[in-house]
């Protein structure tokens, strides 16, 4: 049995409640939310004049950014996505076909490259007053960002703002520059 600190237990409990809330969201409302959140992300991309962007391949309860990805590819942005390696990930160029991997996450084929990200679009389950990320609890984004020698502009996305009024995150949890939700 795993022993948790009080803060870790609060975070774990809040994560479960937030996941349940996101799963219960209306499918029809989700389409509308996805559309408006994608528009807001696009505005920030244009405003900051970024070129190299980390995107994610959405799961059911996350904001569907696939229409945004399609548009950005047509406009010649350089898109990258996480590729799981051990307990973290590296970035690979976004390209088709995508293959279903561990945890039901889709990924492109592996590749080796060095690139500096200008922006990262990151899905969240929840956040707290520090605007740090509560994800699925594996810590992959935290480990990835901790290894970067720079900080890209970071945008968190969520279909609903699940925000805890107490601080449940830790200093190593990544922090957003922007949180876009509906």
N, C-alpha and C. Protein backbone atom coordinates (compact mmCIF):
# COMPACT_ATOMS: atom_id res chain seq x y z
N UNK A 1 0.84 -1.19 0.00
CA UNK A 1 0.00 0.00 0.00
C UNK A 1 0.88 1.25 0.00
N UNK A 2 0.55 2.21 -0.83
CA UNK A 2 1.31 3.44 -0.94
C UNK A 2 0.87 4.41 0.16
N UNK A 3 1.87 5.01 0.80
CA UNK A 3 1.56 6.03 1.81
C UNK A 3 1.65 7.40 1.15
N UNK A 4 0.64 8.21 1.37
CA UNK A 4 0.59 9.55 0.82
C UNK A 4 0.68 10.57 1.94
N UNK A 5 1.26 11.73 1.60
CA UNK A 5 1.18 12.85 2.51
C UNK A 5 -0.22 13.41 2.38
N UNK A 6 -0.61 14.27 3.28
CA UNK A 6 -1.95 14.88 3.21
C UNK A 6 -2.13 15.62 1.90
N UNK A 7 -1.11 16.37 1.48
CA UNK A 7 -1.19 17.14 0.23
C UNK A 7 -1.32 16.20 -0.97
N UNK A 8 -0.55 15.11 -1.00
CA UNK A 8 -0.64 14.14 -2.09
C UNK A 8 -2.01 13.48 -2.13
N UNK A 9 -2.57 13.18 -0.97
CA UNK A 9 -3.90 12.57 -0.89
C UNK A 9 -4.95 13.54 -1.41
N UNK A 10 -4.85 14.82 -1.01
CA UNK A 10 -5.79 15.84 -1.50
C UNK A 10 -5.71 15.93 -3.02
N UNK A 11 -4.49 15.92 -3.55
CA UNK A 11 -4.30 16.02 -4.99
C UNK A 11 -4.90 14.80 -5.70
N UNK A 12 -4.66 13.63 -5.17
CA UNK A 12 -5.19 12.39 -5.73
C UNK A 12 -6.72 12.39 -5.70
N UNK A 13 -7.30 12.78 -4.60
CA UNK A 13 -8.76 12.84 -4.47
C UNK A 13 -9.36 13.87 -5.42
N UNK A 14 -8.72 15.05 -5.49
CA UNK A 14 -9.23 16.10 -6.37
C UNK A 14 -9.11 15.67 -7.84
N UNK A 15 -8.04 14.95 -8.18
CA UNK A 15 -7.86 14.44 -9.54
C UNK A 15 -9.03 13.51 -9.90
N UNK A 16 -9.39 12.61 -9.01
CA UNK A 16 -10.48 11.66 -9.26
C UNK A 16 -11.81 12.40 -9.47
N UNK A 17 -12.09 13.38 -8.64
CA UNK A 17 -13.32 14.16 -8.76
C UNK A 17 -13.34 14.91 -10.09
N UNK A 18 -12.20 15.50 -10.45
CA UNK A 18 -12.11 16.29 -11.70
C UNK A 18 -12.26 15.40 -12.92
N UNK A 19 -11.66 14.22 -12.90
CA UNK A 19 -11.79 13.29 -14.03
C UNK A 19 -13.25 12.89 -14.19
N UNK A 20 -13.92 12.60 -13.10
CA UNK A 20 -15.33 12.23 -13.16
C UNK A 20 -16.16 13.38 -13.74
N UNK A 21 -15.86 14.59 -13.31
CA UNK A 21 -16.58 15.77 -13.81
C UNK A 21 -16.38 15.94 -15.32
N UNK A 22 -15.13 15.75 -15.78
CA UNK A 22 -14.84 15.89 -17.21
C UNK A 22 -15.51 14.79 -18.02
N UNK A 23 -15.55 13.59 -17.49
CA UNK A 23 -16.19 12.47 -18.20
C UNK A 23 -17.70 12.66 -18.33
N UNK A 24 -18.30 13.37 -17.40
CA UNK A 24 -19.74 13.58 -17.42
C UNK A 24 -20.17 14.76 -18.30
N UNK A 25 -19.20 15.47 -18.86
CA UNK A 25 -19.53 16.62 -19.72
C UNK A 25 -20.33 16.17 -20.93
N UNK A 26 -21.24 16.99 -21.34
CA UNK A 26 -22.08 16.71 -22.50
C UNK A 26 -21.24 16.66 -23.78
N UNK A 27 -21.51 15.66 -24.62
CA UNK A 27 -20.80 15.53 -25.90
C UNK A 27 -21.11 16.71 -26.83
N UNK A 28 -22.34 17.16 -26.83
CA UNK A 28 -22.73 18.29 -27.69
C UNK A 28 -22.04 19.56 -27.20
N UNK A 29 -22.05 19.78 -25.90
CA UNK A 29 -21.36 20.95 -25.36
C UNK A 29 -19.87 20.88 -25.63
N UNK A 30 -19.31 19.68 -25.66
CA UNK A 30 -17.87 19.49 -25.90
C UNK A 30 -17.46 20.04 -27.27
N UNK A 31 -18.28 19.80 -28.27
CA UNK A 31 -17.98 20.28 -29.62
C UNK A 31 -17.86 21.81 -29.62
N UNK A 32 -18.79 22.47 -28.96
CA UNK A 32 -18.76 23.93 -28.88
C UNK A 32 -17.54 24.40 -28.09
N UNK A 33 -17.28 23.75 -26.96
CA UNK A 33 -16.12 24.12 -26.13
C UNK A 33 -14.82 23.94 -26.90
N UNK A 34 -14.68 22.79 -27.59
CA UNK A 34 -13.48 22.53 -28.39
C UNK A 34 -13.25 23.66 -29.40
N UNK A 35 -14.32 24.05 -30.08
CA UNK A 35 -14.23 25.08 -31.12
C UNK A 35 -13.70 26.40 -30.54
N UNK A 36 -14.30 26.86 -29.46
CA UNK A 36 -13.91 28.15 -28.89
C UNK A 36 -12.52 28.11 -28.23
N UNK A 37 -12.20 27.00 -27.62
CA UNK A 37 -10.85 26.88 -27.02
C UNK A 37 -9.79 26.87 -28.11
N UNK A 38 -10.06 26.18 -29.23
CA UNK A 38 -9.12 26.18 -30.35
C UNK A 38 -8.91 27.59 -30.90
N UNK A 39 -9.99 28.37 -30.98
CA UNK A 39 -9.87 29.75 -31.46
C UNK A 39 -8.97 30.58 -30.54
N UNK A 40 -9.14 30.41 -29.24
CA UNK A 40 -8.32 31.15 -28.27
C UNK A 40 -6.85 30.74 -28.35
N UNK A 41 -6.60 29.46 -28.53
CA UNK A 41 -5.21 29.00 -28.69
C UNK A 41 -4.60 29.62 -29.94
N UNK A 42 -5.35 29.61 -31.03
CA UNK A 42 -4.86 30.19 -32.28
C UNK A 42 -4.53 31.67 -32.12
N UNK A 43 -5.37 32.41 -31.40
CA UNK A 43 -5.08 33.83 -31.14
C UNK A 43 -3.74 34.00 -30.43
N UNK A 44 -3.47 33.15 -29.44
CA UNK A 44 -2.20 33.26 -28.70
C UNK A 44 -1.01 32.88 -29.58
N UNK A 45 -1.19 31.90 -30.44
CA UNK A 45 -0.12 31.52 -31.36
C UNK A 45 0.23 32.69 -32.27
N UNK A 46 -0.80 33.33 -32.81
CA UNK A 46 -0.57 34.49 -33.69
C UNK A 46 0.01 35.67 -32.91
N UNK A 47 -0.52 35.92 -31.72
CA UNK A 47 -0.05 37.03 -30.90
C UNK A 47 1.44 36.90 -30.55
N UNK A 48 1.87 35.70 -30.22
CA UNK A 48 3.26 35.50 -29.81
C UNK A 48 4.19 35.18 -30.98
N UNK A 49 3.62 35.02 -32.17
CA UNK A 49 4.40 34.75 -33.38
C UNK A 49 5.35 33.57 -33.20
N UNK A 50 4.81 32.49 -32.70
CA UNK A 50 5.61 31.29 -32.47
C UNK A 50 5.65 30.42 -33.73
N UNK A 51 6.63 29.55 -33.80
CA UNK A 51 6.76 28.66 -34.95
C UNK A 51 6.81 27.18 -34.54
N UNK A 52 7.55 26.86 -33.48
CA UNK A 52 7.72 25.48 -33.02
C UNK A 52 6.80 25.22 -31.82
N UNK A 53 5.81 24.36 -32.02
CA UNK A 53 4.76 24.19 -31.03
C UNK A 53 4.62 22.72 -30.62
N UNK A 54 4.62 22.49 -29.31
CA UNK A 54 4.31 21.16 -28.79
C UNK A 54 2.80 21.06 -28.67
N UNK A 55 2.22 20.06 -29.32
CA UNK A 55 0.79 19.79 -29.25
C UNK A 55 0.60 18.41 -28.61
N UNK A 56 -0.61 18.05 -28.33
CA UNK A 56 -0.89 16.72 -27.80
C UNK A 56 -1.96 16.06 -28.67
N UNK A 57 -1.99 14.75 -28.63
CA UNK A 57 -3.04 14.01 -29.32
C UNK A 57 -4.14 13.78 -28.27
N UNK A 58 -5.32 14.38 -28.46
CA UNK A 58 -6.33 14.37 -27.40
C UNK A 58 -6.97 13.02 -27.12
N UNK A 59 -7.25 12.81 -25.84
CA UNK A 59 -8.07 11.68 -25.41
C UNK A 59 -9.50 12.22 -25.25
N UNK A 60 -10.45 11.34 -25.01
CA UNK A 60 -11.87 11.72 -24.99
C UNK A 60 -12.21 12.89 -24.08
N UNK A 61 -11.65 12.93 -22.89
CA UNK A 61 -12.04 13.98 -21.94
C UNK A 61 -11.18 15.25 -22.07
N UNK A 62 -10.31 15.28 -23.05
CA UNK A 62 -9.45 16.46 -23.26
C UNK A 62 -9.99 17.30 -24.42
N UNK A 63 -9.56 18.54 -24.47
CA UNK A 63 -9.95 19.42 -25.58
C UNK A 63 -9.44 18.81 -26.87
N UNK A 64 -10.33 18.68 -27.85
CA UNK A 64 -9.95 18.14 -29.15
C UNK A 64 -9.27 19.23 -29.96
N UNK A 65 -7.95 19.17 -30.01
CA UNK A 65 -7.20 20.18 -30.77
C UNK A 65 -6.83 19.68 -32.17
N UNK A 66 -7.37 18.54 -32.60
CA UNK A 66 -7.04 18.01 -33.93
C UNK A 66 -7.41 18.99 -35.05
N UNK A 67 -8.56 19.69 -35.01
CA UNK A 67 -8.83 20.68 -36.06
C UNK A 67 -7.77 21.81 -36.06
N UNK A 68 -7.32 22.21 -34.88
CA UNK A 68 -6.28 23.23 -34.79
C UNK A 68 -4.97 22.70 -35.38
N UNK A 69 -4.63 21.46 -35.06
CA UNK A 69 -3.41 20.85 -35.61
C UNK A 69 -3.46 20.84 -37.13
N UNK A 70 -4.60 20.45 -37.67
CA UNK A 70 -4.77 20.41 -39.13
C UNK A 70 -4.55 21.80 -39.74
N UNK A 71 -5.13 22.80 -39.13
CA UNK A 71 -4.97 24.17 -39.64
C UNK A 71 -3.52 24.64 -39.54
N UNK A 72 -2.89 24.38 -38.39
CA UNK A 72 -1.51 24.81 -38.20
C UNK A 72 -0.55 24.12 -39.18
N UNK A 73 -0.82 22.88 -39.48
CA UNK A 73 0.01 22.17 -40.47
C UNK A 73 -0.11 22.82 -41.84
N UNK A 74 -1.33 23.21 -42.21
CA UNK A 74 -1.54 23.88 -43.50
C UNK A 74 -0.83 25.22 -43.56
N UNK A 75 -0.70 25.87 -42.40
CA UNK A 75 -0.05 27.18 -42.33
C UNK A 75 1.45 27.07 -42.05
N UNK A 76 1.99 25.88 -42.17
CA UNK A 76 3.43 25.61 -42.07
C UNK A 76 4.07 25.85 -40.71
N UNK A 77 3.30 25.68 -39.66
CA UNK A 77 3.90 25.69 -38.32
C UNK A 77 4.60 24.36 -38.11
N UNK A 78 5.64 24.37 -37.31
CA UNK A 78 6.35 23.13 -36.97
C UNK A 78 5.70 22.56 -35.70
N UNK A 79 5.10 21.40 -35.84
CA UNK A 79 4.38 20.80 -34.72
C UNK A 79 5.10 19.55 -34.23
N UNK A 80 5.12 19.44 -32.92
CA UNK A 80 5.78 18.32 -32.26
C UNK A 80 4.84 17.74 -31.23
N UNK A 81 5.04 16.51 -30.90
CA UNK A 81 4.16 15.84 -29.94
C UNK A 81 4.98 14.96 -29.02
N UNK A 82 4.46 14.67 -27.83
CA UNK A 82 5.18 13.78 -26.93
C UNK A 82 5.29 12.36 -27.48
N UNK A 83 6.43 11.74 -27.22
CA UNK A 83 6.66 10.33 -27.53
C UNK A 83 7.17 9.71 -26.24
N UNK A 84 6.39 8.81 -25.66
CA UNK A 84 6.72 8.27 -24.34
C UNK A 84 8.01 7.44 -24.37
N UNK A 85 8.87 7.78 -23.40
CA UNK A 85 10.11 7.04 -23.19
C UNK A 85 10.26 6.85 -21.69
N UNK A 86 10.18 5.61 -21.25
CA UNK A 86 10.26 5.29 -19.82
C UNK A 86 9.21 6.07 -19.03
N UNK A 87 9.65 6.87 -18.03
CA UNK A 87 8.70 7.60 -17.19
C UNK A 87 8.55 9.07 -17.60
N UNK A 88 9.00 9.41 -18.81
CA UNK A 88 8.88 10.77 -19.33
C UNK A 88 8.57 10.66 -20.82
N UNK A 89 8.90 11.69 -21.55
CA UNK A 89 8.77 11.63 -23.00
C UNK A 89 9.80 12.52 -23.65
N UNK A 90 9.96 12.33 -24.93
CA UNK A 90 10.77 13.24 -25.74
C UNK A 90 9.83 13.79 -26.79
N UNK A 91 10.28 14.78 -27.53
CA UNK A 91 9.40 15.32 -28.56
C UNK A 91 9.81 14.75 -29.92
N UNK A 92 8.78 14.48 -30.70
CA UNK A 92 8.98 14.02 -32.08
C UNK A 92 8.11 14.88 -32.97
N UNK A 93 8.46 14.92 -34.23
CA UNK A 93 7.69 15.70 -35.19
C UNK A 93 6.29 15.07 -35.33
N UNK A 94 5.27 15.92 -35.32
CA UNK A 94 3.91 15.42 -35.53
C UNK A 94 3.79 15.02 -36.99
N UNK A 95 3.44 13.76 -37.19
CA UNK A 95 3.21 13.28 -38.55
C UNK A 95 2.32 12.03 -38.47
N UNK A 96 1.66 11.76 -39.54
CA UNK A 96 0.78 10.61 -39.63
C UNK A 96 1.55 9.43 -40.21
N UNK A 97 1.19 8.22 -39.91
CA UNK A 97 0.06 7.76 -39.12
C UNK A 97 0.38 7.82 -37.63
N UNK A 98 -0.68 7.87 -36.83
CA UNK A 98 -0.54 7.82 -35.38
C UNK A 98 -0.86 6.39 -34.95
N UNK A 99 -0.13 5.91 -33.95
CA UNK A 99 -0.35 4.55 -33.44
C UNK A 99 -0.75 4.61 -31.98
N UNK A 100 -1.71 3.77 -31.61
CA UNK A 100 -2.17 3.71 -30.22
C UNK A 100 -1.11 3.00 -29.38
N UNK A 101 -0.69 3.67 -28.29
CA UNK A 101 0.37 3.14 -27.45
C UNK A 101 -0.11 3.00 -26.01
N UNK A 102 0.83 3.01 -25.11
CA UNK A 102 0.58 2.87 -23.67
C UNK A 102 -0.43 3.91 -23.18
N UNK A 103 -1.28 3.53 -22.24
CA UNK A 103 -2.32 4.38 -21.65
C UNK A 103 -3.38 4.82 -22.67
N UNK A 104 -3.42 4.19 -23.86
CA UNK A 104 -4.39 4.55 -24.88
C UNK A 104 -4.05 5.84 -25.60
N UNK A 105 -2.80 6.27 -25.51
CA UNK A 105 -2.35 7.52 -26.12
C UNK A 105 -1.82 7.24 -27.53
N UNK A 106 -2.21 8.10 -28.46
CA UNK A 106 -1.72 7.97 -29.84
C UNK A 106 -0.42 8.77 -30.00
N UNK A 107 0.50 8.18 -30.79
CA UNK A 107 1.79 8.82 -31.05
C UNK A 107 2.19 8.59 -32.51
N UNK A 108 2.98 9.53 -33.07
CA UNK A 108 3.58 9.27 -34.38
C UNK A 108 4.77 8.33 -34.18
N UNK A 109 5.43 7.97 -35.26
CA UNK A 109 6.63 7.14 -35.16
C UNK A 109 7.75 7.90 -34.46
N UNK A 110 8.65 7.15 -33.88
CA UNK A 110 9.80 7.71 -33.18
C UNK A 110 10.74 8.42 -34.16
N UNK A 111 11.42 9.43 -33.68
CA UNK A 111 12.45 10.12 -34.46
C UNK A 111 13.39 10.81 -33.48
N UNK A 112 14.56 11.15 -33.96
CA UNK A 112 15.52 11.88 -33.14
C UNK A 112 15.69 13.27 -33.72
N UNK A 113 15.48 14.26 -32.89
CA UNK A 113 15.67 15.64 -33.34
C UNK A 113 15.93 16.53 -32.15
N UNK A 114 16.54 17.63 -32.43
CA UNK A 114 16.77 18.67 -31.42
C UNK A 114 16.08 19.92 -31.93
N UNK A 115 15.17 20.44 -31.13
CA UNK A 115 14.43 21.64 -31.50
C UNK A 115 14.11 22.41 -30.24
N UNK A 116 14.06 23.71 -30.35
CA UNK A 116 13.64 24.54 -29.22
C UNK A 116 12.19 24.92 -29.43
N UNK A 117 11.37 24.52 -28.48
CA UNK A 117 9.94 24.83 -28.55
C UNK A 117 9.70 26.28 -28.19
N UNK A 118 8.82 26.93 -28.94
CA UNK A 118 8.41 28.29 -28.62
C UNK A 118 7.19 28.27 -27.70
N UNK A 119 6.34 27.24 -27.90
CA UNK A 119 5.09 27.15 -27.16
C UNK A 119 4.75 25.68 -26.92
N UNK A 120 4.08 25.43 -25.80
CA UNK A 120 3.60 24.08 -25.49
C UNK A 120 2.13 24.16 -25.12
N UNK A 121 1.32 23.35 -25.78
CA UNK A 121 -0.10 23.24 -25.47
C UNK A 121 -0.26 21.94 -24.70
N UNK A 122 -0.72 22.06 -23.45
CA UNK A 122 -0.70 20.92 -22.53
C UNK A 122 -2.10 20.71 -21.94
N UNK A 123 -2.61 19.48 -22.02
CA UNK A 123 -3.92 19.21 -21.41
C UNK A 123 -3.78 19.08 -19.89
N UNK A 124 -4.81 19.51 -19.18
CA UNK A 124 -4.81 19.36 -17.72
C UNK A 124 -6.12 18.72 -17.28
N UNK A 125 -6.06 18.11 -16.11
CA UNK A 125 -7.27 17.61 -15.46
C UNK A 125 -7.80 18.73 -14.57
N UNK A 126 -6.87 19.37 -13.85
CA UNK A 126 -7.25 20.42 -12.90
C UNK A 126 -6.04 21.30 -12.62
N UNK A 127 -6.27 22.31 -11.78
CA UNK A 127 -5.21 23.20 -11.33
C UNK A 127 -5.58 23.69 -9.93
N UNK A 128 -4.68 24.48 -9.34
CA UNK A 128 -4.98 25.08 -8.05
C UNK A 128 -4.63 26.56 -8.12
N UNK A 129 -4.56 27.23 -6.99
CA UNK A 129 -4.30 28.68 -6.98
C UNK A 129 -2.93 29.06 -7.55
N UNK A 130 -2.02 28.12 -7.66
CA UNK A 130 -0.69 28.42 -8.21
C UNK A 130 -0.66 28.28 -9.73
N UNK A 131 -1.76 27.83 -10.32
CA UNK A 131 -1.87 27.57 -11.76
C UNK A 131 -0.88 26.51 -12.22
N UNK A 132 -0.58 25.56 -11.33
CA UNK A 132 0.25 24.42 -11.69
C UNK A 132 -0.67 23.28 -12.12
N UNK A 133 -0.12 22.40 -12.91
CA UNK A 133 -0.88 21.32 -13.55
C UNK A 133 -1.15 20.14 -12.63
N UNK A 134 -2.40 19.71 -12.65
CA UNK A 134 -2.78 18.41 -12.11
C UNK A 134 -3.14 17.60 -13.35
N UNK A 135 -2.32 16.58 -13.62
CA UNK A 135 -2.56 15.73 -14.78
C UNK A 135 -3.07 14.37 -14.33
N UNK A 136 -2.70 13.34 -15.08
CA UNK A 136 -3.16 12.00 -14.77
C UNK A 136 -2.34 11.32 -13.67
N UNK A 137 -1.29 11.97 -13.19
CA UNK A 137 -0.56 11.43 -12.05
C UNK A 137 0.70 10.66 -12.39
N UNK A 138 1.08 10.62 -13.65
CA UNK A 138 2.30 9.90 -14.05
C UNK A 138 3.53 10.81 -14.00
N UNK A 139 3.34 12.13 -14.06
CA UNK A 139 4.45 13.07 -13.96
C UNK A 139 5.29 13.22 -15.20
N UNK A 140 4.81 12.74 -16.34
CA UNK A 140 5.61 12.78 -17.57
C UNK A 140 5.90 14.20 -18.04
N UNK A 141 4.89 15.06 -18.03
CA UNK A 141 5.12 16.44 -18.45
C UNK A 141 6.07 17.13 -17.47
N UNK A 142 5.92 16.86 -16.19
CA UNK A 142 6.80 17.49 -15.18
C UNK A 142 8.26 17.11 -15.42
N UNK A 143 8.51 15.83 -15.65
CA UNK A 143 9.89 15.38 -15.88
C UNK A 143 10.44 15.95 -17.18
N UNK A 144 9.59 16.01 -18.23
CA UNK A 144 10.03 16.56 -19.51
C UNK A 144 10.43 18.03 -19.37
N UNK A 145 9.54 18.83 -18.78
CA UNK A 145 9.81 20.27 -18.65
C UNK A 145 10.98 20.54 -17.71
N UNK A 146 11.18 19.69 -16.71
CA UNK A 146 12.30 19.87 -15.78
C UNK A 146 13.65 19.73 -16.50
N UNK A 147 13.68 18.95 -17.57
CA UNK A 147 14.93 18.74 -18.33
C UNK A 147 15.22 19.85 -19.33
N UNK A 148 14.21 20.66 -19.65
CA UNK A 148 14.42 21.72 -20.64
C UNK A 148 15.26 22.84 -20.04
N UNK A 149 16.25 23.34 -20.76
CA UNK A 149 17.07 24.45 -20.25
C UNK A 149 16.41 25.82 -20.45
N UNK A 150 15.20 25.83 -20.96
CA UNK A 150 14.45 27.07 -21.22
C UNK A 150 12.98 26.77 -20.92
N UNK A 151 12.15 27.82 -20.91
CA UNK A 151 10.71 27.62 -20.66
C UNK A 151 9.92 28.16 -21.84
N UNK A 152 9.27 27.26 -22.59
CA UNK A 152 8.40 27.75 -23.67
C UNK A 152 7.14 28.37 -23.07
N UNK A 153 6.46 29.18 -23.86
CA UNK A 153 5.15 29.70 -23.45
C UNK A 153 4.26 28.47 -23.27
N UNK A 154 3.62 28.37 -22.13
CA UNK A 154 2.84 27.18 -21.82
C UNK A 154 1.36 27.51 -21.68
N UNK A 155 0.55 26.79 -22.46
CA UNK A 155 -0.90 26.96 -22.45
C UNK A 155 -1.52 25.66 -21.94
N UNK A 156 -2.29 25.75 -20.88
CA UNK A 156 -3.05 24.61 -20.39
C UNK A 156 -4.44 24.68 -21.01
N UNK A 157 -4.97 23.51 -21.37
CA UNK A 157 -6.33 23.44 -21.89
C UNK A 157 -7.15 22.44 -21.08
N UNK A 158 -8.42 22.77 -20.91
CA UNK A 158 -9.35 21.87 -20.24
C UNK A 158 -10.76 22.25 -20.67
N UNK A 159 -11.62 21.25 -20.78
CA UNK A 159 -13.01 21.50 -21.16
C UNK A 159 -13.76 22.27 -20.10
N UNK A 160 -13.38 22.06 -18.85
CA UNK A 160 -13.96 22.79 -17.72
C UNK A 160 -12.84 23.14 -16.77
N UNK A 161 -12.98 24.27 -16.11
CA UNK A 161 -11.97 24.64 -15.13
C UNK A 161 -12.26 23.92 -13.82
N UNK A 162 -11.48 22.91 -13.56
CA UNK A 162 -11.54 22.20 -12.28
C UNK A 162 -10.40 22.78 -11.44
N UNK A 163 -10.75 23.67 -10.54
CA UNK A 163 -9.73 24.40 -9.77
C UNK A 163 -9.95 24.18 -8.28
N UNK A 164 -8.88 23.80 -7.63
CA UNK A 164 -8.92 23.58 -6.19
C UNK A 164 -8.54 24.89 -5.49
N UNK A 165 -9.28 25.27 -4.47
CA UNK A 165 -9.02 26.52 -3.76
C UNK A 165 -7.83 26.44 -2.80
N UNK A 166 -7.37 25.23 -2.53
CA UNK A 166 -6.18 25.07 -1.70
C UNK A 166 -5.02 24.63 -2.59
N UNK A 167 -3.83 24.82 -2.13
CA UNK A 167 -2.66 24.44 -2.93
C UNK A 167 -2.41 22.95 -2.75
N UNK A 168 -2.60 22.20 -3.86
CA UNK A 168 -2.41 20.76 -3.84
C UNK A 168 -1.25 20.32 -4.72
N UNK A 169 -0.70 21.26 -5.51
CA UNK A 169 0.41 20.91 -6.38
C UNK A 169 1.73 21.13 -5.66
N UNK A 170 2.77 20.63 -6.30
CA UNK A 170 4.13 20.76 -5.75
C UNK A 170 4.95 21.69 -6.63
N UNK A 171 6.10 22.10 -6.14
CA UNK A 171 6.94 23.04 -6.87
C UNK A 171 7.41 22.47 -8.21
N UNK A 172 7.49 21.15 -8.34
CA UNK A 172 7.94 20.54 -9.58
C UNK A 172 6.82 20.41 -10.62
N UNK A 173 5.57 20.62 -10.23
CA UNK A 173 4.47 20.57 -11.19
C UNK A 173 4.57 21.78 -12.11
N UNK A 174 4.39 21.55 -13.41
CA UNK A 174 4.58 22.66 -14.35
C UNK A 174 3.49 23.71 -14.20
N UNK A 175 3.87 24.94 -14.53
CA UNK A 175 3.00 26.10 -14.36
C UNK A 175 2.64 26.69 -15.72
N UNK A 176 1.44 27.20 -15.83
CA UNK A 176 0.96 27.76 -17.09
C UNK A 176 1.21 29.25 -17.20
N UNK A 177 1.41 29.68 -18.42
CA UNK A 177 1.36 31.11 -18.72
C UNK A 177 -0.09 31.49 -19.00
N UNK A 178 -0.83 30.53 -19.58
CA UNK A 178 -2.24 30.74 -19.91
C UNK A 178 -3.01 29.46 -19.60
N UNK A 179 -4.24 29.61 -19.15
CA UNK A 179 -5.16 28.50 -19.02
C UNK A 179 -6.38 28.84 -19.84
N UNK A 180 -6.69 27.97 -20.80
CA UNK A 180 -7.85 28.20 -21.66
C UNK A 180 -8.86 27.10 -21.40
N UNK A 181 -10.03 27.52 -21.01
CA UNK A 181 -11.11 26.61 -20.71
C UNK A 181 -12.41 27.28 -21.10
N UNK A 182 -13.49 26.59 -20.97
CA UNK A 182 -14.77 27.16 -21.38
C UNK A 182 -15.72 27.18 -20.21
